[in-house]
Amino acid sequence: EYFPKERLLVFDVKSGWEPLCKFLNVPVPQTPFPKVNSTNEFINNV
């Protein structure tokens, strides 16, 4: 409710590059979308 719709992207990282790149007006990379910081990774880091 705080931001105007044109300034805001509601983003689920599972949707990958396309909505993010469209919003930011940048090309879609050929590499897979990053998937990091799993529960086990977090626990090990702590």
ModelCIF file with pLDDT and N, C-alpha, C, O atoms, coordinates in Angstrom:
data_MODEL
#
_entry.id   MODEL 
#
_entity.id                         1 
_entity.type                       polymer 
_entity.pdbx_number_of_molecules   1 
#
_entity_poly.entity_id                      1 
_entity_poly.type                           'polypeptide(L)' 
_entity_poly.nstd_linkage                   no 
_entity_poly.nstd_monomer                   no 
_entity_poly.pdbx_seq_one_letter_code       EYFPKERLLVFDVKSGWEPLCKFLNVPVPQTPFPKVNSTNEFINNV 
_entity_poly.pdbx_seq_one_letter_code_can   EYFPKERLLVFDVKSGWEPLCKFLNVPVPQTPFPKVNSTNEFINNV 
_entity_poly.pdbx_strand_id                 A 
#
loop_
_entity_poly_seq.entity_id 
_entity_poly_seq.num 
_entity_poly_seq.mon_id 
_entity_poly_seq.hetero 
1 1  GLU n 
1 2  TYR n 
1 3  PHE n 
1 4  PRO n 
1 5  LYS n 
1 6  GLU n 
1 7  ARG n 
1 8  LEU n 
1 9  LEU n 
1 10 VAL n 
1 11 PHE n 
1 12 ASP n 
1 13 VAL n 
1 14 LYS n 
1 15 SER n 
1 16 GLY n 
1 17 TRP n 
1 18 GLU n 
1 19 PRO n 
1 20 LEU n 
1 21 CYS n 
1 22 LYS n 
1 23 PHE n 
1 24 LEU n 
1 25 ASN n 
1 26 VAL n 
1 27 PRO n 
1 28 VAL n 
1 29 PRO n 
1 30 GLN n 
1 31 THR n 
1 32 PRO n 
1 33 PHE n 
1 34 PRO n 
1 35 LYS n 
1 36 VAL n 
1 37 ASN n 
1 38 SER n 
1 39 THR n 
1 40 ASN n 
1 41 GLU n 
1 42 PHE n 
1 43 ILE n 
1 44 ASN n 
1 45 ASN n 
1 46 VAL n 
#
_struct_asym.id          A 
_struct_asym.entity_id   1 
#
loop_
_ma_qa_metric.id 
_ma_qa_metric.mode 
_ma_qa_metric.name 
_ma_qa_metric.software_group_id 
_ma_qa_metric.type 
1 global pLDDT . pLDDT 
2 local  pLDDT . pLDDT 
#
_ma_qa_metric_global.metric_id      1 
_ma_qa_metric_global.metric_value   89.50 
_ma_qa_metric_global.model_id       1 
_ma_qa_metric_global.ordinal_id     1 
#
loop_
_ma_qa_metric_local.label_asym_id 
_ma_qa_metric_local.label_comp_id 
_ma_qa_metric_local.label_seq_id 
_ma_qa_metric_local.metric_id 
_ma_qa_metric_local.metric_value 
_ma_qa_metric_local.model_id 
_ma_qa_metric_local.ordinal_id 
A GLU 1  2 98.00 1 1  
A TYR 2  2 98.00 1 2  
A PHE 3  2 98.00 1 3  
A PRO 4  2 98.00 1 4  
A LYS 5  2 96.00 1 5  
A GLU 6  2 97.00 1 6  
A ARG 7  2 98.00 1 7  
A LEU 8  2 98.00 1 8  
A LEU 9  2 98.00 1 9  
A VAL 10 2 98.00 1 10 
A PHE 11 2 98.00 1 11 
A ASP 12 2 97.00 1 12 
A VAL 13 2 97.00 1 13 
A LYS 14 2 95.00 1 14 
A SER 15 2 97.00 1 15 
A GLY 16 2 97.00 1 16 
A TRP 17 2 98.00 1 17 
A GLU 18 2 98.00 1 18 
A PRO 19 2 98.00 1 19 
A LEU 20 2 98.00 1 20 
A CYS 21 2 98.00 1 21 
A LYS 22 2 98.00 1 22 
A PHE 23 2 98.00 1 23 
A LEU 24 2 98.00 1 24 
A ASN 25 2 98.00 1 25 
A VAL 26 2 98.00 1 26 
A PRO 27 2 98.00 1 27 
A VAL 28 2 98.00 1 28 
A PRO 29 2 97.00 1 29 
A GLN 30 2 96.00 1 30 
A THR 31 2 96.00 1 31 
A PRO 32 2 96.00 1 32 
A PHE 33 2 97.00 1 33 
A PRO 34 2 94.00 1 34 
A LYS 35 2 90.00 1 35 
A VAL 36 2 84.00 1 36 
A ASN 37 2 68.00 1 37 
A SER 38 2 60.00 1 38 
A THR 39 2 57.00 1 39 
A ASN 40 2 64.00 1 40 
A GLU 41 2 70.00 1 41 
A PHE 42 2 66.00 1 42 
A ILE 43 2 55.00 1 43 
A ASN 44 2 65.00 1 44 
A ASN 45 2 64.00 1 45 
A VAL 46 2 64.00 1 46 
#
loop_
_atom_site.group_PDB 
_atom_site.id 
_atom_site.type_symbol 
_atom_site.label_atom_id 
_atom_site.label_alt_id 
_atom_site.label_comp_id 
_atom_site.label_asym_id 
_atom_site.label_entity_id 
_atom_site.label_seq_id 
_atom_site.pdbx_PDB_ins_code 
_atom_site.Cartn_x 
_atom_site.Cartn_y 
_atom_site.Cartn_z 
_atom_site.occupancy 
_atom_site.B_iso_or_equiv 
_atom_site.pdbx_formal_charge 
_atom_site.auth_seq_id 
_atom_site.auth_comp_id 
_atom_site.auth_asym_id 
_atom_site.auth_atom_id 
_atom_site.pdbx_PDB_model_num 
ATOM 1   N N  . GLU A 1 1  ? 0.815  -1.215  0.000   1.00 98.00 ? 1  GLU A N  1 
ATOM 2   C CA . GLU A 1 1  ? 0.000  0.000   0.000   1.00 98.00 ? 1  GLU A CA 1 
ATOM 3   C C  . GLU A 1 1  ? 0.848  1.265   0.000   1.00 98.00 ? 1  GLU A C  1 
ATOM 4   O O  . GLU A 1 1  ? 0.369  2.335   -0.376  1.00 98.00 ? 1  GLU A O  1 
ATOM 5   N N  . TYR A 1 2  ? 2.106  1.149   0.419   1.00 98.00 ? 2  TYR A N  1 
ATOM 6   C CA . TYR A 1 2  ? 2.959  2.333   0.581   1.00 98.00 ? 2  TYR A CA 1 
ATOM 7   C C  . TYR A 1 2  ? 3.501  2.845   -0.750  1.00 98.00 ? 2  TYR A C  1 
ATOM 8   O O  . TYR A 1 2  ? 3.618  4.053   -0.956  1.00 98.00 ? 2  TYR A O  1 
ATOM 9   N N  . PHE A 1 3  ? 3.832  1.913   -1.657  1.00 98.00 ? 3  PHE A N  1 
ATOM 10  C CA . PHE A 1 3  ? 4.491  2.307   -2.906  1.00 98.00 ? 3  PHE A CA 1 
ATOM 11  C C  . PHE A 1 3  ? 3.514  2.303   -4.080  1.00 98.00 ? 3  PHE A C  1 
ATOM 12  O O  . PHE A 1 3  ? 2.615  1.465   -4.139  1.00 98.00 ? 3  PHE A O  1 
ATOM 13  N N  . PRO A 1 4  ? 3.690  3.240   -5.013  1.00 98.00 ? 4  PRO A N  1 
ATOM 14  C CA . PRO A 1 4  ? 2.878  3.191   -6.236  1.00 98.00 ? 4  PRO A CA 1 
ATOM 15  C C  . PRO A 1 4  ? 3.219  1.929   -7.026  1.00 98.00 ? 4  PRO A C  1 
ATOM 16  O O  . PRO A 1 4  ? 4.356  1.460   -7.004  1.00 98.00 ? 4  PRO A O  1 
ATOM 17  N N  . LYS A 1 5  ? 2.224  1.389   -7.720  1.00 96.00 ? 5  LYS A N  1 
ATOM 18  C CA . LYS A 1 5  ? 2.396  0.111   -8.402  1.00 96.00 ? 5  LYS A CA 1 
ATOM 19  C C  . LYS A 1 5  ? 3.524  0.138   -9.435  1.00 96.00 ? 5  LYS A C  1 
ATOM 20  O O  . LYS A 1 5  ? 4.205  -0.867  -9.638  1.00 96.00 ? 5  LYS A O  1 
ATOM 21  N N  . GLU A 1 6  ? 3.720  1.282   -10.085 1.00 97.00 ? 6  GLU A N  1 
ATOM 22  C CA . GLU A 1 6  ? 4.746  1.351   -11.122 1.00 97.00 ? 6  GLU A CA 1 
ATOM 23  C C  . GLU A 1 6  ? 6.169  1.297   -10.548 1.00 97.00 ? 6  GLU A C  1 
ATOM 24  O O  . GLU A 1 6  ? 7.130  1.049   -11.276 1.00 97.00 ? 6  GLU A O  1 
ATOM 25  N N  . ARG A 1 7  ? 6.289  1.528   -9.251  1.00 98.00 ? 7  ARG A N  1 
ATOM 26  C CA . ARG A 1 7  ? 7.618  1.495   -8.624  1.00 98.00 ? 7  ARG A CA 1 
ATOM 27  C C  . ARG A 1 7  ? 7.912  0.140   -7.993  1.00 98.00 ? 7  ARG A C  1 
ATOM 28  O O  . ARG A 1 7  ? 9.051  -0.118  -7.601  1.00 98.00 ? 7  ARG A O  1 
ATOM 29  N N  . LEU A 1 8  ? 6.927  -0.718  -7.888  1.00 98.00 ? 8  LEU A N  1 
ATOM 30  C CA . LEU A 1 8  ? 7.015  -1.927  -7.076  1.00 98.00 ? 8  LEU A CA 1 
ATOM 31  C C  . LEU A 1 8  ? 6.836  -3.206  -7.888  1.00 98.00 ? 8  LEU A C  1 
ATOM 32  O O  . LEU A 1 8  ? 5.951  -3.308  -8.737  1.00 98.00 ? 8  LEU A O  1 
ATOM 33  N N  . LEU A 1 9  ? 7.706  -4.180  -7.602  1.00 98.00 ? 9  LEU A N  1 
ATOM 34  C CA . LEU A 1 9  ? 7.543  -5.535  -8.131  1.00 98.00 ? 9  LEU A CA 1 
ATOM 35  C C  . LEU A 1 9  ? 7.365  -6.491  -6.958  1.00 98.00 ? 9  LEU A C  1 
ATOM 36  O O  . LEU A 1 9  ? 8.243  -6.596  -6.102  1.00 98.00 ? 9  LEU A O  1 
ATOM 37  N N  . VAL A 1 10 ? 6.233  -7.187  -6.916  1.00 98.00 ? 10 VAL A N  1 
ATOM 38  C CA . VAL A 1 10 ? 6.042  -8.277  -5.959  1.00 98.00 ? 10 VAL A CA 1 
ATOM 39  C C  . VAL A 1 10 ? 6.599  -9.532  -6.617  1.00 98.00 ? 10 VAL A C  1 
ATOM 40  O O  . VAL A 1 10 ? 6.124  -9.962  -7.668  1.00 98.00 ? 10 VAL A O  1 
ATOM 41  N N  . PHE A 1 11 ? 7.613  -10.113 -5.981  1.00 98.00 ? 11 PHE A N  1 
ATOM 42  C CA . PHE A 1 11 ? 8.443  -11.105 -6.668  1.00 98.00 ? 11 PHE A CA 1 
ATOM 43  C C  . PHE A 1 11 ? 8.612  -12.375 -5.860  1.00 98.00 ? 11 PHE A C  1 
ATOM 44  O O  . PHE A 1 11 ? 9.029  -12.346 -4.702  1.00 98.00 ? 11 PHE A O  1 
ATOM 45  N N  . ASP A 1 12 ? 8.281  -13.489 -6.489  1.00 97.00 ? 12 ASP A N  1 
ATOM 46  C CA . ASP A 1 12 ? 8.565  -14.815 -5.943  1.00 97.00 ? 12 ASP A CA 1 
ATOM 47  C C  . ASP A 1 12 ? 9.798  -15.329 -6.682  1.00 97.00 ? 12 ASP A C  1 
ATOM 48  O O  . ASP A 1 12 ? 9.777  -15.463 -7.905  1.00 97.00 ? 12 ASP A O  1 
ATOM 49  N N  . VAL A 1 13 ? 10.867 -15.615 -5.949  1.00 97.00 ? 13 VAL A N  1 
ATOM 50  C CA . VAL A 1 13 ? 12.119 -16.002 -6.610  1.00 97.00 ? 13 VAL A CA 1 
ATOM 51  C C  . VAL A 1 13 ? 11.958 -17.284 -7.433  1.00 97.00 ? 13 VAL A C  1 
ATOM 52  O O  . VAL A 1 13 ? 12.761 -17.547 -8.328  1.00 97.00 ? 13 VAL A O  1 
ATOM 53  N N  . LYS A 1 14 ? 10.931 -18.079 -7.137  1.00 95.00 ? 14 LYS A N  1 
ATOM 54  C CA . LYS A 1 14 ? 10.694 -19.291 -7.921  1.00 95.00 ? 14 LYS A CA 1 
ATOM 55  C C  . LYS A 1 14 ? 10.307 -18.968 -9.366  1.00 95.00 ? 14 LYS A C  1 
ATOM 56  O O  . LYS A 1 14 ? 10.409 -19.822 -10.246 1.00 95.00 ? 14 LYS A O  1 
ATOM 57  N N  . SER A 1 15 ? 9.866  -17.738 -9.602  1.00 97.00 ? 15 SER A N  1 
ATOM 58  C CA . SER A 1 15 ? 9.462  -17.355 -10.961 1.00 97.00 ? 15 SER A CA 1 
ATOM 59  C C  . SER A 1 15 ? 10.649 -17.038 -11.855 1.00 97.00 ? 15 SER A C  1 
ATOM 60  O O  . SER A 1 15 ? 10.486 -16.868 -13.063 1.00 97.00 ? 15 SER A O  1 
ATOM 61  N N  . GLY A 1 16 ? 11.851 -16.957 -11.272 1.00 97.00 ? 16 GLY A N  1 
ATOM 62  C CA . GLY A 1 16 ? 13.063 -16.824 -12.068 1.00 97.00 ? 16 GLY A CA 1 
ATOM 63  C C  . GLY A 1 16 ? 13.330 -15.442 -12.629 1.00 97.00 ? 16 GLY A C  1 
ATOM 64  O O  . GLY A 1 16 ? 12.852 -14.431 -12.113 1.00 97.00 ? 16 GLY A O  1 
ATOM 65  N N  . TRP A 1 17 ? 14.111 -15.427 -13.706 1.00 98.00 ? 17 TRP A N  1 
ATOM 66  C CA . TRP A 1 17 ? 14.637 -14.177 -14.247 1.00 98.00 ? 17 TRP A CA 1 
ATOM 67  C C  . TRP A 1 17 ? 13.594 -13.274 -14.902 1.00 98.00 ? 17 TRP A C  1 
ATOM 68  O O  . TRP A 1 17 ? 13.668 -12.054 -14.761 1.00 98.00 ? 17 TRP A O  1 
ATOM 69  N N  . GLU A 1 18 ? 12.629 -13.846 -15.610 1.00 98.00 ? 18 GLU A N  1 
ATOM 70  C CA . GLU A 1 18 ? 11.799 -13.058 -16.527 1.00 98.00 ? 18 GLU A CA 1 
ATOM 71  C C  . GLU A 1 18 ? 11.098 -11.863 -15.893 1.00 98.00 ? 18 GLU A C  1 
ATOM 72  O O  . GLU A 1 18 ? 11.270 -10.743 -16.373 1.00 98.00 ? 18 GLU A O  1 
ATOM 73  N N  . PRO A 1 19 ? 10.304 -12.061 -14.818 1.00 98.00 ? 19 PRO A N  1 
ATOM 74  C CA . PRO A 1 19 ? 9.621  -10.888 -14.251 1.00 98.00 ? 19 PRO A CA 1 
ATOM 75  C C  . PRO A 1 19 ? 10.586 -9.865  -13.668 1.00 98.00 ? 19 PRO A C  1 
ATOM 76  O O  . PRO A 1 19 ? 10.335 -8.662  -13.726 1.00 98.00 ? 19 PRO A O  1 
ATOM 77  N N  . LEU A 1 20 ? 11.690 -10.349 -13.105 1.00 98.00 ? 20 LEU A N  1 
ATOM 78  C CA . LEU A 1 20 ? 12.682 -9.444  -12.524 1.00 98.00 ? 20 LEU A CA 1 
ATOM 79  C C  . LEU A 1 20 ? 13.348 -8.602  -13.605 1.00 98.00 ? 20 LEU A C  1 
ATOM 80  O O  . LEU A 1 20 ? 13.468 -7.385  -13.465 1.00 98.00 ? 20 LEU A O  1 
ATOM 81  N N  . CYS A 1 21 ? 13.776 -9.245  -14.671 1.00 98.00 ? 21 CYS A N  1 
ATOM 82  C CA . CYS A 1 21 ? 14.464 -8.533  -15.748 1.00 98.00 ? 21 CYS A CA 1 
ATOM 83  C C  . CYS A 1 21 ? 13.529 -7.571  -16.476 1.00 98.00 ? 21 CYS A C  1 
ATOM 84  O O  . CYS A 1 21 ? 13.938 -6.484  -16.882 1.00 98.00 ? 21 CYS A O  1 
ATOM 85  N N  . LYS A 1 22 ? 12.281 -7.975  -16.636 1.00 98.00 ? 22 LYS A N  1 
ATOM 86  C CA . LYS A 1 22 ? 11.304 -7.095  -17.279 1.00 98.00 ? 22 LYS A CA 1 
ATOM 87  C C  . LYS A 1 22 ? 11.098 -5.837  -16.451 1.00 98.00 ? 22 LYS A C  1 
ATOM 88  O O  . LYS A 1 22 ? 11.051 -4.731  -16.990 1.00 98.00 ? 22 LYS A O  1 
ATOM 89  N N  . PHE A 1 23 ? 10.977 -6.009  -15.141 1.00 98.00 ? 23 PHE A N  1 
ATOM 90  C CA . PHE A 1 23 ? 10.771 -4.875  -14.241 1.00 98.00 ? 23 PHE A CA 1 
ATOM 91  C C  . PHE A 1 23 ? 11.964 -3.930  -14.244 1.00 98.00 ? 23 PHE A C  1 
ATOM 92  O O  . PHE A 1 23 ? 11.798 -2.710  -14.212 1.00 98.00 ? 23 PHE A O  1 
ATOM 93  N N  . LEU A 1 24 ? 13.171 -4.497  -14.282 1.00 98.00 ? 24 LEU A N  1 
ATOM 94  C CA . LEU A 1 24 ? 14.396 -3.695  -14.233 1.00 98.00 ? 24 LEU A CA 1 
ATOM 95  C C  . LEU A 1 24 ? 14.868 -3.255  -15.618 1.00 98.00 ? 24 LEU A C  1 
ATOM 96  O O  . LEU A 1 24 ? 15.822 -2.489  -15.757 1.00 98.00 ? 24 LEU A O  1 
ATOM 97  N N  . ASN A 1 25 ? 14.173 -3.762  -16.638 1.00 98.00 ? 25 ASN A N  1 
ATOM 98  C CA . ASN A 1 25 ? 14.501 -3.397  -18.024 1.00 98.00 ? 25 ASN A CA 1 
ATOM 99  C C  . ASN A 1 25 ? 15.932 -3.772  -18.392 1.00 98.00 ? 25 ASN A C  1 
ATOM 100 O O  . ASN A 1 25 ? 16.696 -2.960  -18.915 1.00 98.00 ? 25 ASN A O  1 
ATOM 101 N N  . VAL A 1 26 ? 16.270 -5.025  -18.104 1.00 98.00 ? 26 VAL A N  1 
ATOM 102 C CA . VAL A 1 26 ? 17.599 -5.545  -18.429 1.00 98.00 ? 26 VAL A CA 1 
ATOM 103 C C  . VAL A 1 26 ? 17.439 -6.886  -19.136 1.00 98.00 ? 26 VAL A C  1 
ATOM 104 O O  . VAL A 1 26 ? 16.401 -7.531  -18.990 1.00 98.00 ? 26 VAL A O  1 
ATOM 105 N N  . PRO A 1 27 ? 18.452 -7.325  -19.905 1.00 98.00 ? 27 PRO A N  1 
ATOM 106 C CA . PRO A 1 27 ? 18.368 -8.614  -20.607 1.00 98.00 ? 27 PRO A CA 1 
ATOM 107 C C  . PRO A 1 27 ? 18.317 -9.793  -19.637 1.00 98.00 ? 27 PRO A C  1 
ATOM 108 O O  . PRO A 1 27 ? 18.853 -9.723  -18.530 1.00 98.00 ? 27 PRO A O  1 
ATOM 109 N N  . VAL A 1 28 ? 17.678 -10.857 -20.058 1.00 98.00 ? 28 VAL A N  1 
ATOM 110 C CA . VAL A 1 28 ? 17.606 -12.083 -19.253 1.00 98.00 ? 28 VAL A CA 1 
ATOM 111 C C  . VAL A 1 28 ? 18.901 -12.871 -19.426 1.00 98.00 ? 28 VAL A C  1 
ATOM 112 O O  . VAL A 1 28 ? 19.264 -13.186 -20.560 1.00 98.00 ? 28 VAL A O  1 
ATOM 113 N N  . PRO A 1 29 ? 19.608 -13.200 -18.352 1.00 97.00 ? 29 PRO A N  1 
ATOM 114 C CA . PRO A 1 29 ? 20.852 -13.974 -18.457 1.00 97.00 ? 29 PRO A CA 1 
ATOM 115 C C  . PRO A 1 29 ? 20.601 -15.397 -18.944 1.00 97.00 ? 29 PRO A C  1 
ATOM 116 O O  . PRO A 1 29 ? 19.487 -15.910 -18.847 1.00 97.00 ? 29 PRO A O  1 
ATOM 117 N N  . GLN A 1 30 ? 21.631 -16.014 -19.457 1.00 96.00 ? 30 GLN A N  1 
ATOM 118 C CA . GLN A 1 30 ? 21.546 -17.409 -19.897 1.00 96.00 ? 30 GLN A CA 1 
ATOM 119 C C  . GLN A 1 30 ? 21.786 -18.368 -18.736 1.00 96.00 ? 30 GLN A C  1 
ATOM 120 O O  . GLN A 1 30 ? 21.493 -19.559 -18.840 1.00 96.00 ? 30 GLN A O  1 
ATOM 121 N N  . THR A 1 31 ? 22.316 -17.854 -17.639 1.00 96.00 ? 31 THR A N  1 
ATOM 122 C CA . THR A 1 31 ? 22.619 -18.694 -16.479 1.00 96.00 ? 31 THR A CA 1 
ATOM 123 C C  . THR A 1 31 ? 21.364 -18.953 -15.643 1.00 96.00 ? 31 THR A C  1 
ATOM 124 O O  . THR A 1 31 ? 20.418 -18.166 -15.692 1.00 96.00 ? 31 THR A O  1 
ATOM 125 N N  . PRO A 1 32 ? 21.345 -20.052 -14.874 1.00 96.00 ? 32 PRO A N  1 
ATOM 126 C CA . PRO A 1 32 ? 20.196 -20.321 -14.006 1.00 96.00 ? 32 PRO A CA 1 
ATOM 127 C C  . PRO A 1 32 ? 20.048 -19.240 -12.931 1.00 96.00 ? 32 PRO A C  1 
ATOM 128 O O  . PRO A 1 32 ? 21.031 -18.635 -12.504 1.00 96.00 ? 32 PRO A O  1 
ATOM 129 N N  . PHE A 1 33 ? 18.819 -19.012 -12.509 1.00 97.00 ? 33 PHE A N  1 
ATOM 130 C CA . PHE A 1 33 ? 18.565 -18.054 -11.432 1.00 97.00 ? 33 PHE A CA 1 
ATOM 131 C C  . PHE A 1 33 ? 19.194 -18.588 -10.148 1.00 97.00 ? 33 PHE A C  1 
ATOM 132 O O  . PHE A 1 33 ? 19.067 -19.778 -9.862  1.00 97.00 ? 33 PHE A O  1 
ATOM 133 N N  . PRO A 1 34 ? 19.867 -17.746 -9.367  1.00 94.00 ? 34 PRO A N  1 
ATOM 134 C CA . PRO A 1 34 ? 20.550 -18.218 -8.149  1.00 94.00 ? 34 PRO A CA 1 
ATOM 135 C C  . PRO A 1 34 ? 19.586 -18.867 -7.159  1.00 94.00 ? 34 PRO A C  1 
ATOM 136 O O  . PRO A 1 34 ? 18.476 -18.378 -6.945  1.00 94.00 ? 34 PRO A O  1 
ATOM 137 N N  . LYS A 1 35 ? 20.015 -19.955 -6.570  1.00 90.00 ? 35 LYS A N  1 
ATOM 138 C CA . LYS A 1 35 ? 19.260 -20.623 -5.518  1.00 90.00 ? 35 LYS A CA 1 
ATOM 139 C C  . LYS A 1 35 ? 20.229 -20.973 -4.410  1.00 90.00 ? 35 LYS A C  1 
ATOM 140 O O  . LYS A 1 35 ? 20.959 -21.961 -4.493  1.00 90.00 ? 35 LYS A O  1 
ATOM 141 N N  . VAL A 1 36 ? 20.228 -20.145 -3.359  1.00 84.00 ? 36 VAL A N  1 
ATOM 142 C CA . VAL A 1 36 ? 21.249 -20.280 -2.313  1.00 84.00 ? 36 VAL A CA 1 
ATOM 143 C C  . VAL A 1 36 ? 20.624 -20.093 -0.934  1.00 84.00 ? 36 VAL A C  1 
ATOM 144 O O  . VAL A 1 36 ? 19.435 -19.806 -0.795  1.00 84.00 ? 36 VAL A O  1 
ATOM 145 N N  . ASN A 1 37 ? 21.474 -20.266 0.082   1.00 68.00 ? 37 ASN A N  1 
ATOM 146 C CA . ASN A 1 37 ? 21.116 -20.041 1.488   1.00 68.00 ? 37 ASN A CA 1 
ATOM 147 C C  . ASN A 1 37 ? 19.984 -20.964 1.944   1.00 68.00 ? 37 ASN A C  1 
ATOM 148 O O  . ASN A 1 37 ? 18.985 -20.519 2.508   1.00 68.00 ? 37 ASN A O  1 
ATOM 149 N N  . SER A 1 38 ? 20.167 -22.245 1.689   1.00 60.00 ? 38 SER A N  1 
ATOM 150 C CA . SER A 1 38 ? 19.216 -23.239 2.172   1.00 60.00 ? 38 SER A CA 1 
ATOM 151 C C  . SER A 1 38 ? 19.258 -23.278 3.701   1.00 60.00 ? 38 SER A C  1 
ATOM 152 O O  . SER A 1 38 ? 20.125 -22.663 4.322   1.00 60.00 ? 38 SER A O  1 
ATOM 153 N N  . THR A 1 39 ? 18.323 -23.999 4.290   1.00 57.00 ? 39 THR A N  1 
ATOM 154 C CA . THR A 1 39 ? 18.283 -24.130 5.750   1.00 57.00 ? 39 THR A CA 1 
ATOM 155 C C  . THR A 1 39 ? 19.598 -24.672 6.287   1.00 57.00 ? 39 THR A C  1 
ATOM 156 O O  . THR A 1 39 ? 20.127 -24.151 7.269   1.00 57.00 ? 39 THR A O  1 
ATOM 157 N N  . ASN A 1 40 ? 20.130 -25.707 5.659   1.00 64.00 ? 40 ASN A N  1 
ATOM 158 C CA . ASN A 1 40 ? 21.384 -26.298 6.133   1.00 64.00 ? 40 ASN A CA 1 
ATOM 159 C C  . ASN A 1 40 ? 22.548 -25.317 5.991   1.00 64.00 ? 40 ASN A C  1 
ATOM 160 O O  . ASN A 1 40 ? 23.411 -25.238 6.865   1.00 64.00 ? 40 ASN A O  1 
ATOM 161 N N  . GLU A 1 41 ? 22.566 -24.572 4.890   1.00 70.00 ? 41 GLU A N  1 
ATOM 162 C CA . GLU A 1 41 ? 23.624 -23.574 4.698   1.00 70.00 ? 41 GLU A CA 1 
ATOM 163 C C  . GLU A 1 41 ? 23.547 -22.508 5.781   1.00 70.00 ? 41 GLU A C  1 
ATOM 164 O O  . GLU A 1 41 ? 24.572 -22.097 6.325   1.00 70.00 ? 41 GLU A O  1 
ATOM 165 N N  . PHE A 1 42 ? 22.349 -22.063 6.093   1.00 66.00 ? 42 PHE A N  1 
ATOM 166 C CA . PHE A 1 42 ? 22.163 -21.051 7.129   1.00 66.00 ? 42 PHE A CA 1 
ATOM 167 C C  . PHE A 1 42 ? 22.673 -21.561 8.476   1.00 66.00 ? 42 PHE A C  1 
ATOM 168 O O  . PHE A 1 42 ? 23.432 -20.876 9.161   1.00 66.00 ? 42 PHE A O  1 
ATOM 169 N N  . ILE A 1 43 ? 22.253 -22.763 8.846   1.00 55.00 ? 43 ILE A N  1 
ATOM 170 C CA . ILE A 1 43 ? 22.653 -23.331 10.140  1.00 55.00 ? 43 ILE A CA 1 
ATOM 171 C C  . ILE A 1 43 ? 24.173 -23.477 10.223  1.00 55.00 ? 43 ILE A C  1 
ATOM 172 O O  . ILE A 1 43 ? 24.775 -23.148 11.245  1.00 55.00 ? 43 ILE A O  1 
ATOM 173 N N  . ASN A 1 44 ? 24.782 -23.962 9.168   1.00 65.00 ? 44 ASN A N  1 
ATOM 174 C CA . ASN A 1 44 ? 26.236 -24.125 9.162   1.00 65.00 ? 44 ASN A CA 1 
ATOM 175 C C  . ASN A 1 44 ? 26.950 -22.777 9.271   1.00 65.00 ? 44 ASN A C  1 
ATOM 176 O O  . ASN A 1 44 ? 27.983 -22.674 9.933   1.00 65.00 ? 44 ASN A O  1 
ATOM 177 N N  . ASN A 1 45 ? 26.403 -21.745 8.625   1.00 64.00 ? 45 ASN A N  1 
ATOM 178 C CA . ASN A 1 45 ? 26.998 -20.416 8.719   1.00 64.00 ? 45 ASN A CA 1 
ATOM 179 C C  . ASN A 1 45 ? 26.924 -19.870 10.141  1.00 64.00 ? 45 ASN A C  1 
ATOM 180 O O  . ASN A 1 45 ? 27.875 -19.254 10.623  1.00 64.00 ? 45 ASN A O  1 
ATOM 181 N N  . VAL A 1 46 ? 25.803 -20.092 10.808  1.00 64.00 ? 46 VAL A N  1 
ATOM 182 C CA . VAL A 1 46 ? 25.653 -19.625 12.197  1.00 64.00 ? 46 VAL A CA 1 
ATOM 183 C C  . VAL A 1 46 ? 26.625 -20.365 13.111  1.00 64.00 ? 46 VAL A C  1 
ATOM 184 O O  . VAL A 1 46 ? 26.652 -20.113 14.316  1.00 64.00 ? 46 VAL A O  1 
#
